[in-house]
N, C-alpha and C. Protein backbone atom coordinates (compact mmCIF):
# COMPACT_ATOMS: atom_id res chain seq x y z
N MET A 1 187.67 112.83 -130.95
CA MET A 1 186.73 113.57 -131.88
C MET A 1 186.94 115.13 -131.79
N ILE A 2 187.20 115.50 -130.24
CA ILE A 2 187.06 116.94 -129.96
C ILE A 2 188.37 117.46 -130.66
N ARG A 3 189.54 116.75 -130.63
CA ARG A 3 190.84 116.94 -131.08
C ARG A 3 190.73 117.15 -132.60
N ARG A 4 189.99 116.00 -133.11
CA ARG A 4 190.10 116.19 -134.96
C ARG A 4 189.16 117.61 -135.14
N HIS A 5 188.05 118.09 -134.39
CA HIS A 5 187.05 118.90 -135.04
C HIS A 5 187.64 120.30 -134.09
N TRP A 6 188.44 120.18 -133.20
CA TRP A 6 188.81 121.72 -132.90
C TRP A 6 189.25 122.23 -133.66
N ASN A 7 188.95 122.92 -134.95
CA ASN A 7 189.91 123.49 -135.78
C ASN A 7 188.82 124.58 -136.61
N PHE A 8 189.28 126.02 -136.29
CA PHE A 8 188.49 126.99 -136.62
C PHE A 8 188.96 128.13 -137.30
N PHE A 9 188.95 128.43 -138.35
CA PHE A 9 189.62 129.69 -138.82
C PHE A 9 188.79 130.89 -138.49
N PRO A 10 189.59 131.71 -137.89
CA PRO A 10 189.32 132.69 -137.07
C PRO A 10 188.65 133.92 -137.75
N LEU A 11 187.31 133.63 -138.13
CA LEU A 11 186.49 134.77 -138.88
C LEU A 11 186.59 136.06 -138.24
N TRP A 12 186.34 135.64 -136.84
CA TRP A 12 186.08 136.84 -135.77
C TRP A 12 187.31 137.71 -136.19
N TYR A 13 188.45 137.31 -136.43
CA TYR A 13 189.69 138.03 -136.20
C TYR A 13 189.95 138.94 -137.64
N HIS A 14 189.34 138.34 -138.89
CA HIS A 14 189.43 138.61 -140.02
C HIS A 14 188.25 139.79 -140.56
N ARG A 15 187.28 139.63 -139.79
CA ARG A 15 185.74 140.22 -140.23
C ARG A 15 185.86 141.36 -140.73
N GLU A 16 186.51 142.50 -140.45
CA GLU A 16 186.56 143.69 -141.10
C GLU A 16 187.29 143.62 -142.04
N ALA A 17 188.33 143.16 -142.48
CA ALA A 17 189.26 143.07 -143.74
C ALA A 17 188.20 142.17 -144.81
N MET A 18 187.75 141.28 -144.26
CA MET A 18 186.70 140.51 -145.50
C MET A 18 185.60 140.99 -145.69
N SER A 19 185.04 142.06 -145.16
CA SER A 19 183.97 142.83 -145.37
C SER A 19 184.36 143.64 -146.62
N LEU A 20 185.46 144.02 -146.83
CA LEU A 20 186.13 145.04 -147.77
C LEU A 20 186.77 144.42 -148.89
N ARG A 21 186.62 142.86 -149.06
CA ARG A 21 187.20 141.96 -150.03
C ARG A 21 185.77 141.31 -150.94
N ASP A 22 186.18 140.91 -151.93
CA ASP A 22 185.21 140.09 -152.86
C ASP A 22 185.47 138.67 -152.47
N THR A 23 185.06 138.23 -151.22
CA THR A 23 185.42 136.74 -150.51
C THR A 23 184.18 135.91 -150.03
N GLU A 24 183.19 136.17 -150.65
CA GLU A 24 181.80 135.56 -150.22
C GLU A 24 181.66 134.32 -150.33
N LEU A 25 182.23 133.64 -151.56
CA LEU A 25 182.08 131.95 -151.56
C LEU A 25 183.16 131.80 -150.58
N TRP A 26 184.35 132.28 -150.63
CA TRP A 26 185.42 131.70 -149.65
C TRP A 26 184.80 131.74 -148.16
N ARG A 27 184.12 132.84 -147.72
CA ARG A 27 184.01 132.98 -146.54
C ARG A 27 182.68 131.92 -146.36
N LEU A 28 181.98 131.88 -147.10
CA LEU A 28 180.68 130.83 -146.67
C LEU A 28 181.54 129.40 -146.70
N ASP A 29 182.18 128.90 -147.39
CA ASP A 29 183.00 127.87 -147.23
C ASP A 29 183.73 127.64 -145.94
N VAL A 30 184.52 128.67 -145.38
CA VAL A 30 185.17 128.36 -144.12
C VAL A 30 183.98 128.63 -143.40
N LEU A 31 182.95 129.47 -143.14
CA LEU A 31 182.01 129.38 -142.32
C LEU A 31 181.37 127.94 -141.94
N LEU A 32 180.87 127.33 -143.13
CA LEU A 32 180.32 126.12 -143.12
C LEU A 32 181.39 125.03 -142.68
N GLU A 33 182.64 124.79 -143.02
CA GLU A 33 183.37 124.03 -142.53
C GLU A 33 183.62 124.32 -141.05
N GLY A 34 183.65 125.66 -140.44
CA GLY A 34 183.39 125.67 -139.13
C GLY A 34 182.51 125.30 -138.39
N VAL A 35 181.23 125.11 -139.00
CA VAL A 35 179.93 124.76 -138.26
C VAL A 35 179.95 123.38 -138.40
N PHE A 36 180.36 122.74 -139.35
CA PHE A 36 180.75 121.03 -139.17
C PHE A 36 181.45 120.87 -137.99
N ASN A 37 182.84 121.44 -138.02
CA ASN A 37 183.51 121.25 -136.67
C ASN A 37 182.88 121.44 -135.48
N LEU A 38 182.15 122.39 -135.30
CA LEU A 38 181.46 122.79 -134.35
C LEU A 38 180.46 121.48 -133.75
N LEU A 39 179.76 121.34 -134.97
CA LEU A 39 178.79 120.02 -134.84
C LEU A 39 179.30 118.86 -134.51
N GLY A 40 180.98 118.74 -134.82
CA GLY A 40 181.44 117.44 -134.58
C GLY A 40 182.02 117.53 -133.14
N VAL A 41 182.32 118.28 -132.62
CA VAL A 41 182.79 118.70 -131.35
C VAL A 41 181.50 118.55 -130.06
N LEU A 42 180.55 119.18 -130.58
CA LEU A 42 179.41 119.20 -129.67
C LEU A 42 178.87 117.42 -129.77
N ALA A 43 178.88 117.05 -130.85
CA ALA A 43 178.56 115.57 -130.91
C ALA A 43 179.29 114.76 -129.74
N ALA A 44 180.76 114.90 -130.05
CA ALA A 44 181.66 114.26 -129.26
C ALA A 44 181.30 114.50 -127.85
N ILE A 45 181.35 115.80 -127.19
CA ILE A 45 180.74 115.87 -125.72
C ILE A 45 179.50 115.20 -125.39
N ASN A 46 178.70 115.12 -126.47
CA ASN A 46 177.25 114.41 -126.10
C ASN A 46 177.22 112.91 -126.30
N ARG A 47 178.54 112.66 -127.04
CA ARG A 47 178.77 111.01 -127.24
C ARG A 47 177.55 110.63 -127.89
N ILE A 48 177.49 111.26 -129.35
CA ILE A 48 176.46 111.10 -130.39
C ILE A 48 177.41 110.97 -131.74
N TYR A 49 177.11 110.01 -132.43
CA TYR A 49 177.38 109.62 -133.71
C TYR A 49 177.59 110.84 -134.72
N PHE A 50 178.58 111.20 -135.46
CA PHE A 50 178.53 112.11 -136.28
C PHE A 50 179.44 112.13 -137.21
N ALA A 51 179.01 112.29 -138.52
CA ALA A 51 179.60 112.18 -139.89
C ALA A 51 179.16 113.09 -140.58
N ARG A 52 180.00 114.04 -140.94
CA ARG A 52 179.64 115.24 -141.84
C ARG A 52 178.86 114.60 -143.44
N PHE A 53 179.36 113.65 -143.91
CA PHE A 53 178.79 113.33 -145.33
C PHE A 53 177.51 112.85 -145.03
N GLU A 54 177.11 112.26 -143.63
CA GLU A 54 176.28 111.54 -143.51
C GLU A 54 174.96 112.47 -142.88
N LEU A 55 175.21 113.83 -142.60
CA LEU A 55 174.36 114.77 -141.94
C LEU A 55 173.18 114.93 -142.75
N LYS A 56 172.02 114.51 -141.97
CA LYS A 56 170.70 114.82 -142.38
C LYS A 56 169.87 115.06 -141.21
N ARG A 57 168.97 115.99 -141.25
CA ARG A 57 167.92 116.27 -140.40
C ARG A 57 169.18 116.83 -139.07
N THR A 58 169.45 117.83 -139.62
CA THR A 58 170.15 118.98 -138.61
C THR A 58 169.78 119.02 -137.34
N ARG A 59 168.40 119.56 -137.38
CA ARG A 59 167.82 120.01 -136.13
C ARG A 59 167.50 118.70 -135.11
N ASP A 60 167.24 117.41 -136.08
CA ASP A 60 166.92 116.20 -135.20
C ASP A 60 168.42 115.75 -134.48
N LEU A 61 169.43 116.09 -135.18
CA LEU A 61 171.05 115.74 -134.56
C LEU A 61 171.05 116.51 -133.30
N ILE A 62 170.61 117.93 -133.46
CA ILE A 62 170.97 118.85 -132.36
C ILE A 62 169.91 118.83 -131.28
N SER A 63 168.74 118.53 -131.51
CA SER A 63 167.87 118.09 -130.48
C SER A 63 168.47 117.04 -129.37
N LYS A 64 169.21 115.93 -130.05
CA LYS A 64 169.67 114.98 -129.03
C LYS A 64 170.83 115.45 -128.21
N MET A 65 170.95 116.56 -128.57
CA MET A 65 172.21 117.03 -127.64
C MET A 65 171.99 117.58 -126.30
N ALA A 66 172.13 116.79 -125.27
CA ALA A 66 171.87 117.74 -123.91
C ALA A 66 172.64 118.84 -123.50
N VAL A 67 173.81 118.60 -124.09
CA VAL A 67 174.76 119.78 -123.80
C VAL A 67 175.24 120.55 -125.05
N ALA A 68 174.83 121.82 -125.35
CA ALA A 68 174.90 122.59 -126.64
C ALA A 68 174.51 124.21 -126.24
N PRO A 69 175.29 124.96 -127.13
CA PRO A 69 174.84 126.65 -126.75
C PRO A 69 173.02 126.59 -127.11
N PRO A 70 172.59 127.44 -126.41
CA PRO A 70 171.26 127.73 -126.53
C PRO A 70 170.76 128.05 -127.75
N GLU A 71 169.51 127.71 -128.21
CA GLU A 71 169.03 128.08 -129.78
C GLU A 71 170.26 127.82 -130.79
N LEU A 72 171.04 126.51 -130.73
CA LEU A 72 172.04 126.02 -131.44
C LEU A 72 171.44 126.00 -133.18
N ALA A 73 170.34 125.27 -133.18
CA ALA A 73 169.81 125.00 -134.81
C ALA A 73 169.37 126.33 -135.32
N ASP A 74 168.76 127.22 -134.67
CA ASP A 74 168.64 128.58 -135.41
C ASP A 74 169.64 129.48 -135.35
N ARG A 75 170.52 129.50 -134.63
CA ARG A 75 171.87 130.28 -134.90
C ARG A 75 172.65 129.65 -136.15
N ILE A 76 172.70 128.48 -136.02
CA ILE A 76 173.62 127.97 -137.16
C ILE A 76 172.91 128.38 -138.30
N GLU A 77 171.99 128.02 -138.84
CA GLU A 77 170.83 128.18 -139.84
C GLU A 77 170.86 129.92 -140.18
N ALA A 78 170.86 130.83 -139.37
CA ALA A 78 170.99 132.16 -139.36
C ALA A 78 172.43 132.68 -139.81
N LEU A 79 173.29 131.82 -139.54
CA LEU A 79 174.56 132.25 -140.00
C LEU A 79 175.06 132.58 -141.49
N VAL A 80 174.31 131.92 -142.43
CA VAL A 80 174.53 132.08 -143.73
C VAL A 80 173.63 133.10 -144.31
N HIS A 81 172.74 133.72 -143.60
CA HIS A 81 171.74 134.81 -143.97
C HIS A 81 172.47 136.34 -143.48
N LEU A 82 173.29 136.23 -142.47
CA LEU A 82 173.64 137.45 -141.68
C LEU A 82 174.64 137.88 -142.77
N PRO A 83 174.96 139.19 -142.42
CA PRO A 83 175.70 140.04 -143.28
C PRO A 83 177.31 139.42 -142.66
N ALA A 84 178.36 139.52 -143.37
CA ALA A 84 179.62 138.89 -142.97
C ALA A 84 180.09 139.13 -141.77
N GLN A 85 180.32 140.42 -141.35
CA GLN A 85 180.47 140.68 -140.16
C GLN A 85 179.80 140.35 -138.94
N ASP A 86 178.48 140.37 -139.02
CA ASP A 86 177.38 139.81 -137.99
C ASP A 86 177.79 138.14 -138.13
N ALA A 87 177.88 137.61 -139.06
CA ALA A 87 178.10 136.11 -138.93
C ALA A 87 179.16 135.80 -137.99
N ALA A 88 180.63 136.56 -138.84
CA ALA A 88 181.77 136.26 -137.92
C ALA A 88 181.71 136.54 -136.39
N ARG A 89 180.96 137.36 -136.03
CA ARG A 89 180.66 137.81 -134.43
C ARG A 89 179.80 136.54 -134.20
N GLU A 90 178.85 136.17 -134.47
CA GLU A 90 178.01 135.01 -133.96
C GLU A 90 178.66 133.78 -134.07
N PHE A 91 179.39 133.41 -135.05
CA PHE A 91 180.20 132.28 -134.83
C PHE A 91 181.27 132.26 -134.29
N GLY A 92 181.92 133.21 -133.91
CA GLY A 92 182.99 133.54 -132.72
C GLY A 92 182.25 133.28 -131.39
N GLN A 93 181.10 133.71 -131.15
CA GLN A 93 180.29 133.55 -130.17
C GLN A 93 179.77 132.19 -129.72
N LEU A 94 179.46 131.31 -130.86
CA LEU A 94 179.34 129.98 -131.01
C LEU A 94 180.44 128.99 -130.61
N VAL A 95 181.60 129.41 -130.82
CA VAL A 95 182.81 128.84 -130.53
C VAL A 95 183.30 128.96 -129.25
N ALA A 96 183.13 130.28 -128.57
CA ALA A 96 183.27 130.48 -127.15
C ALA A 96 182.60 129.72 -126.32
N GLU A 97 181.11 129.78 -126.64
CA GLU A 97 180.34 128.98 -125.91
C GLU A 97 180.57 127.54 -125.81
N THR A 98 180.90 126.89 -127.00
CA THR A 98 181.41 125.66 -127.10
C THR A 98 182.76 125.34 -126.41
N ALA A 99 183.41 126.26 -126.34
CA ALA A 99 184.97 125.97 -125.75
C ALA A 99 184.53 125.90 -124.17
N GLU A 100 183.46 126.69 -123.63
CA GLU A 100 183.19 126.60 -122.26
C GLU A 100 182.50 125.48 -121.93
N LEU A 101 181.64 124.84 -122.93
CA LEU A 101 180.80 123.48 -122.80
C LEU A 101 182.14 122.30 -122.63
N VAL A 102 182.88 122.40 -123.71
CA VAL A 102 184.10 121.50 -123.40
C VAL A 102 184.96 121.51 -122.55
N SER A 103 185.23 122.58 -122.06
CA SER A 103 186.05 122.84 -120.55
C SER A 103 185.17 122.24 -119.34
N ARG A 104 184.13 122.31 -119.44
CA ARG A 104 183.12 121.92 -118.42
C ARG A 104 182.88 120.33 -118.22
N GLU A 105 182.59 119.88 -119.80
CA GLU A 105 182.40 118.67 -119.87
C GLU A 105 183.56 117.54 -119.86
N VAL A 106 184.63 118.21 -120.48
CA VAL A 106 185.78 117.23 -120.74
C VAL A 106 186.96 118.15 -120.29
N PRO A 107 187.23 118.31 -119.03
CA PRO A 107 188.14 119.16 -118.52
C PRO A 107 189.70 118.94 -119.27
N ASP A 108 189.98 117.81 -119.43
CA ASP A 108 191.32 117.36 -120.11
C ASP A 108 191.73 117.80 -121.70
N ALA A 109 190.46 118.18 -122.33
CA ALA A 109 190.60 118.49 -123.41
C ALA A 109 190.93 119.95 -123.65
N THR A 110 191.78 120.26 -124.63
CA THR A 110 192.61 121.47 -125.10
C THR A 110 191.71 122.35 -126.13
N VAL A 111 191.05 123.28 -125.56
CA VAL A 111 190.40 124.03 -126.64
C VAL A 111 190.86 125.53 -126.94
N ASP A 112 191.88 125.55 -127.09
CA ASP A 112 192.85 126.96 -127.41
C ASP A 112 192.40 127.21 -128.84
N LEU A 113 192.29 128.80 -129.15
CA LEU A 113 192.08 129.32 -130.41
C LEU A 113 193.42 130.14 -130.79
N SER A 114 193.80 129.82 -132.18
CA SER A 114 194.63 130.85 -132.82
C SER A 114 194.57 132.10 -132.69
N PHE A 115 193.37 132.88 -132.69
CA PHE A 115 193.39 134.13 -132.31
C PHE A 115 192.35 134.26 -131.03
N PRO A 116 192.50 135.12 -130.26
CA PRO A 116 191.43 135.10 -128.92
C PRO A 116 190.11 135.80 -129.67
N LEU A 117 188.90 135.67 -129.49
CA LEU A 117 187.75 136.17 -129.76
C LEU A 117 187.63 137.79 -129.73
N ASP A 118 188.17 138.24 -128.80
CA ASP A 118 188.32 139.90 -128.71
C ASP A 118 189.42 140.54 -129.62
N ALA A 119 190.27 139.49 -130.15
CA ALA A 119 191.60 140.01 -131.15
C ALA A 119 190.62 140.49 -132.74
N ARG A 120 191.39 141.23 -133.11
CA ARG A 120 191.10 141.90 -134.55
C ARG A 120 192.04 142.30 -135.41
N GLN A 121 192.22 141.84 -136.76
CA GLN A 121 193.38 142.09 -137.47
C GLN A 121 193.53 143.61 -137.44
N GLN A 122 194.66 144.12 -137.40
CA GLN A 122 194.95 145.55 -137.42
C GLN A 122 195.48 145.79 -138.88
N PRO A 123 195.11 147.30 -139.34
CA PRO A 123 195.47 147.59 -140.54
C PRO A 123 197.06 147.49 -140.71
N TRP A 124 197.43 147.24 -141.76
CA TRP A 124 198.89 147.03 -142.14
C TRP A 124 199.25 148.57 -142.57
N HIS A 125 200.64 148.92 -141.90
CA HIS A 125 201.15 150.43 -142.54
C HIS A 125 202.47 150.17 -143.03
N LEU A 126 202.91 150.71 -144.01
CA LEU A 126 204.34 150.88 -144.67
C LEU A 126 205.08 151.84 -143.33
N PRO A 127 206.26 151.78 -142.80
CA PRO A 127 206.88 152.25 -141.82
C PRO A 127 207.15 153.77 -142.80
N GLU A 128 207.11 154.79 -142.26
CA GLU A 128 207.44 156.21 -142.90
C GLU A 128 208.84 156.04 -143.53
N ASP A 129 209.92 155.37 -143.03
CA ASP A 129 211.16 155.59 -143.73
C ASP A 129 211.26 154.74 -145.10
N ALA A 130 209.98 153.72 -145.09
CA ALA A 130 210.05 152.77 -146.25
C ALA A 130 209.19 153.40 -147.50
N VAL A 131 208.46 154.28 -147.08
CA VAL A 131 207.69 155.36 -148.16
C VAL A 131 208.94 155.85 -149.09
N GLY A 132 208.63 155.67 -150.43
CA GLY A 132 209.55 156.17 -151.67
C GLY A 132 210.92 155.54 -151.73
N SER A 133 210.94 154.43 -151.07
CA SER A 133 212.30 153.65 -151.32
C SER A 133 212.20 152.88 -152.61
């Protein structure tokens, strides 16, 4: 379950670029996909049944998790109401906290990220010799 759900689009890496583009629906879709994966990972380390298509009473599910980031339900619900950059930062923080919990609870699990939480996408510039070519 951890391997299956440890899959997060790095919103934290692209947060500045996304704030400049009209990507709100896509951003929310990616954010929700990430939250469902986060819940799947946390359910796995808590040995709780989880199926995305059956998810009801999210707070009840989270209340059964002895191992979870603090104030998880409130933080997850707030994500969709936060400005894009703040939501990306908070989502990255939740992923980092979950990675620490997984490492502690299931030391053999791999919880690598495609982009470190402190990495940011850098603006792309044409080399000066390419300008005017």
